[in-house]
Amino acid sequence: ADFARGAMYAEGGQAFIVTRATTS
């Protein structure tokens, strides 16, 4: 959350949450 919020306020910032679509 620290980095997601920081990126949200940065000029041109982006936050990516990554995950495989399914579990094993």
mmCIF file of all heavy atoms, coordinates in Angstrom:
data_MODEL
# 
_entry.id   MODEL 
# 
loop_
_atom_site.group_PDB 
_atom_site.id 
_atom_site.type_symbol 
_atom_site.label_atom_id 
_atom_site.label_alt_id 
_atom_site.label_comp_id 
_atom_site.label_asym_id 
_atom_site.label_entity_id 
_atom_site.label_seq_id 
_atom_site.pdbx_PDB_ins_code 
_atom_site.Cartn_x 
_atom_site.Cartn_y 
_atom_site.Cartn_z 
_atom_site.occupancy 
_atom_site.B_iso_or_equiv 
_atom_site.pdbx_formal_charge 
_atom_site.auth_seq_id 
_atom_site.auth_comp_id 
_atom_site.auth_asym_id 
_atom_site.auth_atom_id 
_atom_site.pdbx_PDB_model_num 
ATOM 1   N N   . ALA A 1 1  ? 0.827  -1.210  0.000   1.00 0.00 ? 1  ALA A N   1 
ATOM 2   C CA  . ALA A 1 1  ? 0.000  0.000   0.000   1.00 0.00 ? 1  ALA A CA  1 
ATOM 3   C C   . ALA A 1 1  ? 0.862  1.260   0.000   1.00 0.00 ? 1  ALA A C   1 
ATOM 4   O O   . ALA A 1 1  ? 0.484  2.280   -0.593  1.00 0.00 ? 1  ALA A O   1 
ATOM 5   C CB  . ALA A 1 1  ? -0.943 -0.001  1.198   1.00 0.00 ? 1  ALA A CB  1 
ATOM 6   N N   . ASP A 1 2  ? 2.027  1.213   0.662   1.00 0.00 ? 2  ASP A N   1 
ATOM 7   C CA  . ASP A 1 2  ? 2.936  2.359   0.643   1.00 0.00 ? 2  ASP A CA  1 
ATOM 8   C C   . ASP A 1 2  ? 3.273  2.752   -0.795  1.00 0.00 ? 2  ASP A C   1 
ATOM 9   O O   . ASP A 1 2  ? 3.175  3.927   -1.180  1.00 0.00 ? 2  ASP A O   1 
ATOM 10  C CB  . ASP A 1 2  ? 4.248  2.018   1.362   1.00 0.00 ? 2  ASP A CB  1 
ATOM 11  C CG  . ASP A 1 2  ? 4.095  1.843   2.858   1.00 0.00 ? 2  ASP A CG  1 
ATOM 12  O OD1 . ASP A 1 2  ? 3.176  2.448   3.442   1.00 0.00 ? 2  ASP A OD1 1 
ATOM 13  O OD2 . ASP A 1 2  ? 4.909  1.105   3.445   1.00 0.00 ? 2  ASP A OD2 1 
ATOM 14  N N   . PHE A 1 3  ? 3.690  1.772   -1.586  1.00 0.00 ? 3  PHE A N   1 
ATOM 15  C CA  . PHE A 1 3  ? 4.133  2.064   -2.945  1.00 0.00 ? 3  PHE A CA  1 
ATOM 16  C C   . PHE A 1 3  ? 2.957  2.329   -3.884  1.00 0.00 ? 3  PHE A C   1 
ATOM 17  O O   . PHE A 1 3  ? 3.066  3.151   -4.800  1.00 0.00 ? 3  PHE A O   1 
ATOM 18  C CB  . PHE A 1 3  ? 5.015  0.932   -3.466  1.00 0.00 ? 3  PHE A CB  1 
ATOM 19  C CG  . PHE A 1 3  ? 6.420  1.016   -2.954  1.00 0.00 ? 3  PHE A CG  1 
ATOM 20  C CD1 . PHE A 1 3  ? 6.805  0.295   -1.837  1.00 0.00 ? 3  PHE A CD1 1 
ATOM 21  C CD2 . PHE A 1 3  ? 7.349  1.845   -3.549  1.00 0.00 ? 3  PHE A CD2 1 
ATOM 22  C CE1 . PHE A 1 3  ? 8.096  0.385   -1.335  1.00 0.00 ? 3  PHE A CE1 1 
ATOM 23  C CE2 . PHE A 1 3  ? 8.638  1.951   -3.068  1.00 0.00 ? 3  PHE A CE2 1 
ATOM 24  C CZ  . PHE A 1 3  ? 9.021  1.218   -1.953  1.00 0.00 ? 3  PHE A CZ  1 
ATOM 25  N N   . ALA A 1 4  ? 1.835  1.661   -3.659  1.00 0.00 ? 4  ALA A N   1 
ATOM 26  C CA  . ALA A 1 4  ? 0.660  1.937   -4.499  1.00 0.00 ? 4  ALA A CA  1 
ATOM 27  C C   . ALA A 1 4  ? 0.193  3.370   -4.317  1.00 0.00 ? 4  ALA A C   1 
ATOM 28  O O   . ALA A 1 4  ? -0.151 4.065   -5.290  1.00 0.00 ? 4  ALA A O   1 
ATOM 29  C CB  . ALA A 1 4  ? -0.462 0.957   -4.157  1.00 0.00 ? 4  ALA A CB  1 
ATOM 30  N N   . ARG A 1 5  ? 0.185  3.851   -3.080  1.00 0.00 ? 5  ARG A N   1 
ATOM 31  C CA  . ARG A 1 5  ? -0.240 5.230   -2.839  1.00 0.00 ? 5  ARG A CA  1 
ATOM 32  C C   . ARG A 1 5  ? 0.793  6.228   -3.337  1.00 0.00 ? 5  ARG A C   1 
ATOM 33  O O   . ARG A 1 5  ? 0.449  7.269   -3.904  1.00 0.00 ? 5  ARG A O   1 
ATOM 34  C CB  . ARG A 1 5  ? -0.518 5.444   -1.345  1.00 0.00 ? 5  ARG A CB  1 
ATOM 35  C CG  . ARG A 1 5  ? -1.794 4.765   -0.877  1.00 0.00 ? 5  ARG A CG  1 
ATOM 36  C CD  . ARG A 1 5  ? -2.190 5.197   0.506   1.00 0.00 ? 5  ARG A CD  1 
ATOM 37  N NE  . ARG A 1 5  ? -2.536 6.607   0.576   1.00 0.00 ? 5  ARG A NE  1 
ATOM 38  C CZ  . ARG A 1 5  ? -3.692 7.130   0.163   1.00 0.00 ? 5  ARG A CZ  1 
ATOM 39  N NH1 . ARG A 1 5  ? -4.605 6.352   -0.383  1.00 0.00 ? 5  ARG A NH1 1 
ATOM 40  N NH2 . ARG A 1 5  ? -3.931 8.416   0.281   1.00 0.00 ? 5  ARG A NH2 1 
ATOM 41  N N   . GLY A 1 6  ? 2.062  5.925   -3.142  1.00 0.00 ? 6  GLY A N   1 
ATOM 42  C CA  . GLY A 1 6  ? 3.092  6.823   -3.645  1.00 0.00 ? 6  GLY A CA  1 
ATOM 43  C C   . GLY A 1 6  ? 3.041  6.954   -5.153  1.00 0.00 ? 6  GLY A C   1 
ATOM 44  O O   . GLY A 1 6  ? 3.124  8.071   -5.697  1.00 0.00 ? 6  GLY A O   1 
ATOM 45  N N   . ALA A 1 7  ? 2.883  5.838   -5.849  1.00 0.00 ? 7  ALA A N   1 
ATOM 46  C CA  . ALA A 1 7  ? 2.798  5.868   -7.312  1.00 0.00 ? 7  ALA A CA  1 
ATOM 47  C C   . ALA A 1 7  ? 1.563  6.626   -7.778  1.00 0.00 ? 7  ALA A C   1 
ATOM 48  O O   . ALA A 1 7  ? 1.586  7.310   -8.812  1.00 0.00 ? 7  ALA A O   1 
ATOM 49  C CB  . ALA A 1 7  ? 2.790  4.441   -7.856  1.00 0.00 ? 7  ALA A CB  1 
ATOM 50  N N   . MET A 1 8  ? 0.476  6.521   -7.019  1.00 0.00 ? 8  MET A N   1 
ATOM 51  C CA  . MET A 1 8  ? -0.765 7.201   -7.388  1.00 0.00 ? 8  MET A CA  1 
ATOM 52  C C   . MET A 1 8  ? -0.577 8.717   -7.423  1.00 0.00 ? 8  MET A C   1 
ATOM 53  O O   . MET A 1 8  ? -1.162 9.406   -8.263  1.00 0.00 ? 8  MET A O   1 
ATOM 54  C CB  . MET A 1 8  ? -1.859 6.825   -6.374  1.00 0.00 ? 8  MET A CB  1 
ATOM 55  C CG  . MET A 1 8  ? -3.205 7.480   -6.618  1.00 0.00 ? 8  MET A CG  1 
ATOM 56  S SD  . MET A 1 8  ? -4.499 6.795   -5.536  1.00 0.00 ? 8  MET A SD  1 
ATOM 57  C CE  . MET A 1 8  ? -3.957 7.374   -3.934  1.00 0.00 ? 8  MET A CE  1 
ATOM 58  N N   . TYR A 1 9  ? 0.254  9.241   -6.525  1.00 0.00 ? 9  TYR A N   1 
ATOM 59  C CA  . TYR A 1 9  ? 0.454  10.684  -6.455  1.00 0.00 ? 9  TYR A CA  1 
ATOM 60  C C   . TYR A 1 9  ? 1.623  11.168  -7.317  1.00 0.00 ? 9  TYR A C   1 
ATOM 61  O O   . TYR A 1 9  ? 1.784  12.372  -7.522  1.00 0.00 ? 9  TYR A O   1 
ATOM 62  C CB  . TYR A 1 9  ? 0.678  11.106  -5.005  1.00 0.00 ? 9  TYR A CB  1 
ATOM 63  C CG  . TYR A 1 9  ? -0.571 11.001  -4.157  1.00 0.00 ? 9  TYR A CG  1 
ATOM 64  C CD1 . TYR A 1 9  ? -0.630 10.131  -3.076  1.00 0.00 ? 9  TYR A CD1 1 
ATOM 65  C CD2 . TYR A 1 9  ? -1.696 11.772  -4.453  1.00 0.00 ? 9  TYR A CD2 1 
ATOM 66  C CE1 . TYR A 1 9  ? -1.781 10.035  -2.304  1.00 0.00 ? 9  TYR A CE1 1 
ATOM 67  C CE2 . TYR A 1 9  ? -2.836 11.675  -3.680  1.00 0.00 ? 9  TYR A CE2 1 
ATOM 68  C CZ  . TYR A 1 9  ? -2.879 10.810  -2.599  1.00 0.00 ? 9  TYR A CZ  1 
ATOM 69  O OH  . TYR A 1 9  ? -4.016 10.717  -1.846  1.00 0.00 ? 9  TYR A OH  1 
ATOM 70  N N   . ALA A 1 10 ? 2.467  10.253  -7.804  1.00 0.00 ? 10 ALA A N   1 
ATOM 71  C CA  . ALA A 1 10 ? 3.598  10.652  -8.637  1.00 0.00 ? 10 ALA A CA  1 
ATOM 72  C C   . ALA A 1 10 ? 3.106  11.077  -10.021 1.00 0.00 ? 10 ALA A C   1 
ATOM 73  O O   . ALA A 1 10 ? 2.167  10.477  -10.576 1.00 0.00 ? 10 ALA A O   1 
ATOM 74  C CB  . ALA A 1 10 ? 4.582  9.495   -8.765  1.00 0.00 ? 10 ALA A CB  1 
ATOM 75  N N   . GLU A 1 11 ? 3.729  12.083  -10.591 1.00 0.00 ? 11 GLU A N   1 
ATOM 76  C CA  . GLU A 1 11 ? 3.364  12.505  -11.944 1.00 0.00 ? 11 GLU A CA  1 
ATOM 77  C C   . GLU A 1 11 ? 3.671  11.369  -12.921 1.00 0.00 ? 11 GLU A C   1 
ATOM 78  O O   . GLU A 1 11 ? 4.812  10.906  -13.023 1.00 0.00 ? 11 GLU A O   1 
ATOM 79  C CB  . GLU A 1 11 ? 4.161  13.745  -12.337 1.00 0.00 ? 11 GLU A CB  1 
ATOM 80  C CG  . GLU A 1 11 ? 3.813  14.278  -13.722 1.00 0.00 ? 11 GLU A CG  1 
ATOM 81  C CD  . GLU A 1 11 ? 4.610  15.512  -14.088 1.00 0.00 ? 11 GLU A CD  1 
ATOM 82  O OE1 . GLU A 1 11 ? 5.337  16.032  -13.211 1.00 0.00 ? 11 GLU A OE1 1 
ATOM 83  O OE2 . GLU A 1 11 ? 4.515  15.944  -15.247 1.00 0.00 ? 11 GLU A OE2 1 
ATOM 84  N N   . GLY A 1 12 ? 2.643  10.897  -13.618 1.00 0.00 ? 12 GLY A N   1 
ATOM 85  C CA  . GLY A 1 12 ? 2.818  9.787   -14.549 1.00 0.00 ? 12 GLY A CA  1 
ATOM 86  C C   . GLY A 1 12 ? 3.060  8.459   -13.871 1.00 0.00 ? 12 GLY A C   1 
ATOM 87  O O   . GLY A 1 12 ? 3.495  7.494   -14.509 1.00 0.00 ? 12 GLY A O   1 
ATOM 88  N N   . GLY A 1 13 ? 2.774  8.375   -12.566 1.00 0.00 ? 13 GLY A N   1 
ATOM 89  C CA  . GLY A 1 13 ? 3.025  7.142   -11.821 1.00 0.00 ? 13 GLY A CA  1 
ATOM 90  C C   . GLY A 1 13 ? 2.029  6.047   -12.152 1.00 0.00 ? 13 GLY A C   1 
ATOM 91  O O   . GLY A 1 13 ? 0.890  6.306   -12.551 1.00 0.00 ? 13 GLY A O   1 
ATOM 92  N N   . GLN A 1 14 ? 2.473  4.812   -11.978 1.00 0.00 ? 14 GLN A N   1 
ATOM 93  C CA  . GLN A 1 14 ? 1.620  3.647   -12.209 1.00 0.00 ? 14 GLN A CA  1 
ATOM 94  C C   . GLN A 1 14 ? 1.893  2.606   -11.132 1.00 0.00 ? 14 GLN A C   1 
ATOM 95  O O   . GLN A 1 14 ? 3.038  2.418   -10.724 1.00 0.00 ? 14 GLN A O   1 
ATOM 96  C CB  . GLN A 1 14 ? 1.927  2.993   -13.557 1.00 0.00 ? 14 GLN A CB  1 
ATOM 97  C CG  . GLN A 1 14 ? 1.822  3.885   -14.773 1.00 0.00 ? 14 GLN A CG  1 
ATOM 98  C CD  . GLN A 1 14 ? 2.261  3.132   -16.017 1.00 0.00 ? 14 GLN A CD  1 
ATOM 99  O OE1 . GLN A 1 14 ? 1.492  2.376   -16.611 1.00 0.00 ? 14 GLN A OE1 1 
ATOM 100 N NE2 . GLN A 1 14 ? 3.515  3.303   -16.398 1.00 0.00 ? 14 GLN A NE2 1 
ATOM 101 N N   . ALA A 1 15 ? 0.837  1.949   -10.685 1.00 0.00 ? 15 ALA A N   1 
ATOM 102 C CA  . ALA A 1 15 ? 0.987  0.824   -9.759  1.00 0.00 ? 15 ALA A CA  1 
ATOM 103 C C   . ALA A 1 15 ? 0.341  -0.396  -10.390 1.00 0.00 ? 15 ALA A C   1 
ATOM 104 O O   . ALA A 1 15 ? -0.800 -0.333  -10.858 1.00 0.00 ? 15 ALA A O   1 
ATOM 105 C CB  . ALA A 1 15 ? 0.346  1.146   -8.415  1.00 0.00 ? 15 ALA A CB  1 
ATOM 106 N N   . PHE A 1 16 ? 1.074  -1.498  -10.394 1.00 0.00 ? 16 PHE A N   1 
ATOM 107 C CA  . PHE A 1 16 ? 0.585  -2.740  -10.982 1.00 0.00 ? 16 PHE A CA  1 
ATOM 108 C C   . PHE A 1 16 ? 0.444  -3.793  -9.883  1.00 0.00 ? 16 PHE A C   1 
ATOM 109 O O   . PHE A 1 16 ? 1.389  -4.050  -9.131  1.00 0.00 ? 16 PHE A O   1 
ATOM 110 C CB  . PHE A 1 16 ? 1.556  -3.260  -12.043 1.00 0.00 ? 16 PHE A CB  1 
ATOM 111 C CG  . PHE A 1 16 ? 1.755  -2.329  -13.210 1.00 0.00 ? 16 PHE A CG  1 
ATOM 112 C CD1 . PHE A 1 16 ? 2.788  -1.404  -13.197 1.00 0.00 ? 16 PHE A CD1 1 
ATOM 113 C CD2 . PHE A 1 16 ? 0.902  -2.370  -14.310 1.00 0.00 ? 16 PHE A CD2 1 
ATOM 114 C CE1 . PHE A 1 16 ? 2.983  -0.540  -14.266 1.00 0.00 ? 16 PHE A CE1 1 
ATOM 115 C CE2 . PHE A 1 16 ? 1.085  -1.510  -15.385 1.00 0.00 ? 16 PHE A CE2 1 
ATOM 116 C CZ  . PHE A 1 16 ? 2.130  -0.593  -15.364 1.00 0.00 ? 16 PHE A CZ  1 
ATOM 117 N N   . ILE A 1 17 ? -0.741 -4.366  -9.789  1.00 0.00 ? 17 ILE A N   1 
ATOM 118 C CA  . ILE A 1 17 ? -0.956 -5.541  -8.950  1.00 0.00 ? 17 ILE A CA  1 
ATOM 119 C C   . ILE A 1 17 ? -1.003 -6.732  -9.893  1.00 0.00 ? 17 ILE A C   1 
ATOM 120 O O   . ILE A 1 17 ? -1.856 -6.793  -10.794 1.00 0.00 ? 17 ILE A O   1 
ATOM 121 C CB  . ILE A 1 17 ? -2.271 -5.441  -8.159  1.00 0.00 ? 17 ILE A CB  1 
ATOM 122 C CG1 . ILE A 1 17 ? -2.232 -4.261  -7.180  1.00 0.00 ? 17 ILE A CG1 1 
ATOM 123 C CG2 . ILE A 1 17 ? -2.543 -6.749  -7.425  1.00 0.00 ? 17 ILE A CG2 1 
ATOM 124 C CD1 . ILE A 1 17 ? -1.273 -4.430  -6.022  1.00 0.00 ? 17 ILE A CD1 1 
ATOM 125 N N   . VAL A 1 18 ? -0.074 -7.669  -9.708  1.00 0.00 ? 18 VAL A N   1 
ATOM 126 C CA  . VAL A 1 18 ? 0.051  -8.786  -10.655 1.00 0.00 ? 18 VAL A CA  1 
ATOM 127 C C   . VAL A 1 18 ? -0.341 -10.090 -9.977  1.00 0.00 ? 18 VAL A C   1 
ATOM 128 O O   . VAL A 1 18 ? -0.095 -10.296 -8.788  1.00 0.00 ? 18 VAL A O   1 
ATOM 129 C CB  . VAL A 1 18 ? 1.488  -8.876  -11.198 1.00 0.00 ? 18 VAL A CB  1 
ATOM 130 C CG1 . VAL A 1 18 ? 1.823  -7.633  -12.024 1.00 0.00 ? 18 VAL A CG1 1 
ATOM 131 C CG2 . VAL A 1 18 ? 2.517  -9.040  -10.084 1.00 0.00 ? 18 VAL A CG2 1 
ATOM 132 N N   . THR A 1 19 ? -0.967 -10.966 -10.750 1.00 0.00 ? 19 THR A N   1 
ATOM 133 C CA  . THR A 1 19 ? -1.353 -12.278 -10.237 1.00 0.00 ? 19 THR A CA  1 
ATOM 134 C C   . THR A 1 19 ? -1.668 -13.204 -11.404 1.00 0.00 ? 19 THR A C   1 
ATOM 135 O O   . THR A 1 19 ? -2.147 -12.763 -12.450 1.00 0.00 ? 19 THR A O   1 
ATOM 136 C CB  . THR A 1 19 ? -2.579 -12.175 -9.312  1.00 0.00 ? 19 THR A CB  1 
ATOM 137 O OG1 . THR A 1 19 ? -2.872 -13.463 -8.772  1.00 0.00 ? 19 THR A OG1 1 
ATOM 138 C CG2 . THR A 1 19 ? -3.807 -11.655 -10.041 1.00 0.00 ? 19 THR A CG2 1 
ATOM 139 N N   . ARG A 1 20 ? -1.373 -14.462 -11.249 1.00 0.00 ? 20 ARG A N   1 
ATOM 140 C CA  . ARG A 1 20 ? -1.844 -15.445 -12.223 1.00 0.00 ? 20 ARG A CA  1 
ATOM 141 C C   . ARG A 1 20 ? -3.355 -15.538 -12.095 1.00 0.00 ? 20 ARG A C   1 
ATOM 142 O O   . ARG A 1 20 ? -3.909 -15.392 -11.010 1.00 0.00 ? 20 ARG A O   1 
ATOM 143 C CB  . ARG A 1 20 ? -1.196 -16.803 -11.963 1.00 0.00 ? 20 ARG A CB  1 
ATOM 144 C CG  . ARG A 1 20 ? 0.320  -16.791 -12.111 1.00 0.00 ? 20 ARG A CG  1 
ATOM 145 C CD  . ARG A 1 20 ? 0.931  -18.067 -11.559 1.00 0.00 ? 20 ARG A CD  1 
ATOM 146 N NE  . ARG A 1 20 ? 2.387  -17.993 -11.567 1.00 0.00 ? 20 ARG A NE  1 
ATOM 147 C CZ  . ARG A 1 20 ? 3.178  -18.840 -10.922 1.00 0.00 ? 20 ARG A CZ  1 
ATOM 148 N NH1 . ARG A 1 20 ? 2.634  -19.815 -10.191 1.00 0.00 ? 20 ARG A NH1 1 
ATOM 149 N NH2 . ARG A 1 20 ? 4.485  -18.715 -10.995 1.00 0.00 ? 20 ARG A NH2 1 
ATOM 150 N N   . ALA A 1 21 ? -4.025 -15.799 -13.198 1.00 0.00 ? 21 ALA A N   1 
ATOM 151 C CA  . ALA A 1 21 ? -5.495 -15.811 -13.190 1.00 0.00 ? 21 ALA A CA  1 
ATOM 152 C C   . ALA A 1 21 ? -6.062 -16.910 -12.302 1.00 0.00 ? 21 ALA A C   1 
ATOM 153 O O   . ALA A 1 21 ? -7.156 -16.766 -11.745 1.00 0.00 ? 21 ALA A O   1 
ATOM 154 C CB  . ALA A 1 21 ? -6.028 -15.951 -14.608 1.00 0.00 ? 21 ALA A CB  1 
ATOM 155 N N   . THR A 1 22 ? -5.324 -18.014 -12.151 1.00 0.00 ? 22 THR A N   1 
ATOM 156 C CA  . THR A 1 22 ? -5.791 -19.132 -11.328 1.00 0.00 ? 22 THR A CA  1 
ATOM 157 C C   . THR A 1 22 ? -4.671 -19.626 -10.426 1.00 0.00 ? 22 THR A C   1 
ATOM 158 O O   . THR A 1 22 ? -3.482 -19.404 -10.698 1.00 0.00 ? 22 THR A O   1 
ATOM 159 C CB  . THR A 1 22 ? -6.272 -20.314 -12.191 1.00 0.00 ? 22 THR A CB  1 
ATOM 160 O OG1 . THR A 1 22 ? -5.199 -20.741 -13.038 1.00 0.00 ? 22 THR A OG1 1 
ATOM 161 C CG2 . THR A 1 22 ? -7.466 -19.923 -13.046 1.00 0.00 ? 22 THR A CG2 1 
ATOM 162 N N   . THR A 1 23 ? -5.054 -20.289 -9.357  1.00 0.00 ? 23 THR A N   1 
ATOM 163 C CA  . THR A 1 23 ? -4.090 -20.935 -8.485  1.00 0.00 ? 23 THR A CA  1 
ATOM 164 C C   . THR A 1 23 ? -3.588 -22.221 -9.134  1.00 0.00 ? 23 THR A C   1 
ATOM 165 O O   . THR A 1 23 ? -4.074 -22.638 -10.187 1.00 0.00 ? 23 THR A O   1 
ATOM 166 C CB  . THR A 1 23 ? -4.716 -21.272 -7.127  1.00 0.00 ? 23 THR A CB  1 
ATOM 167 O OG1 . THR A 1 23 ? -5.738 -22.258 -7.341  1.00 0.00 ? 23 THR A OG1 1 
ATOM 168 C CG2 . THR A 1 23 ? -5.338 -20.046 -6.493  1.00 0.00 ? 23 THR A CG2 1 
ATOM 169 N N   . SER A 1 24 ? -2.620 -22.872 -8.488  1.00 0.00 ? 24 SER A N   1 
ATOM 170 C CA  . SER A 1 24 ? -2.103 -24.139 -9.019  1.00 0.00 ? 24 SER A CA  1 
ATOM 171 C C   . SER A 1 24 ? -3.178 -25.214 -9.071  1.00 0.00 ? 24 SER A C   1 
ATOM 172 O O   . SER A 1 24 ? -3.101 -26.145 -9.870  1.00 0.00 ? 24 SER A O   1 
ATOM 173 C CB  . SER A 1 24 ? -0.923 -24.616 -8.168  1.00 0.00 ? 24 SER A CB  1 
ATOM 174 O OG  . SER A 1 24 ? -1.308 -24.752 -6.812  1.00 0.00 ? 24 SER A OG  1 
# 
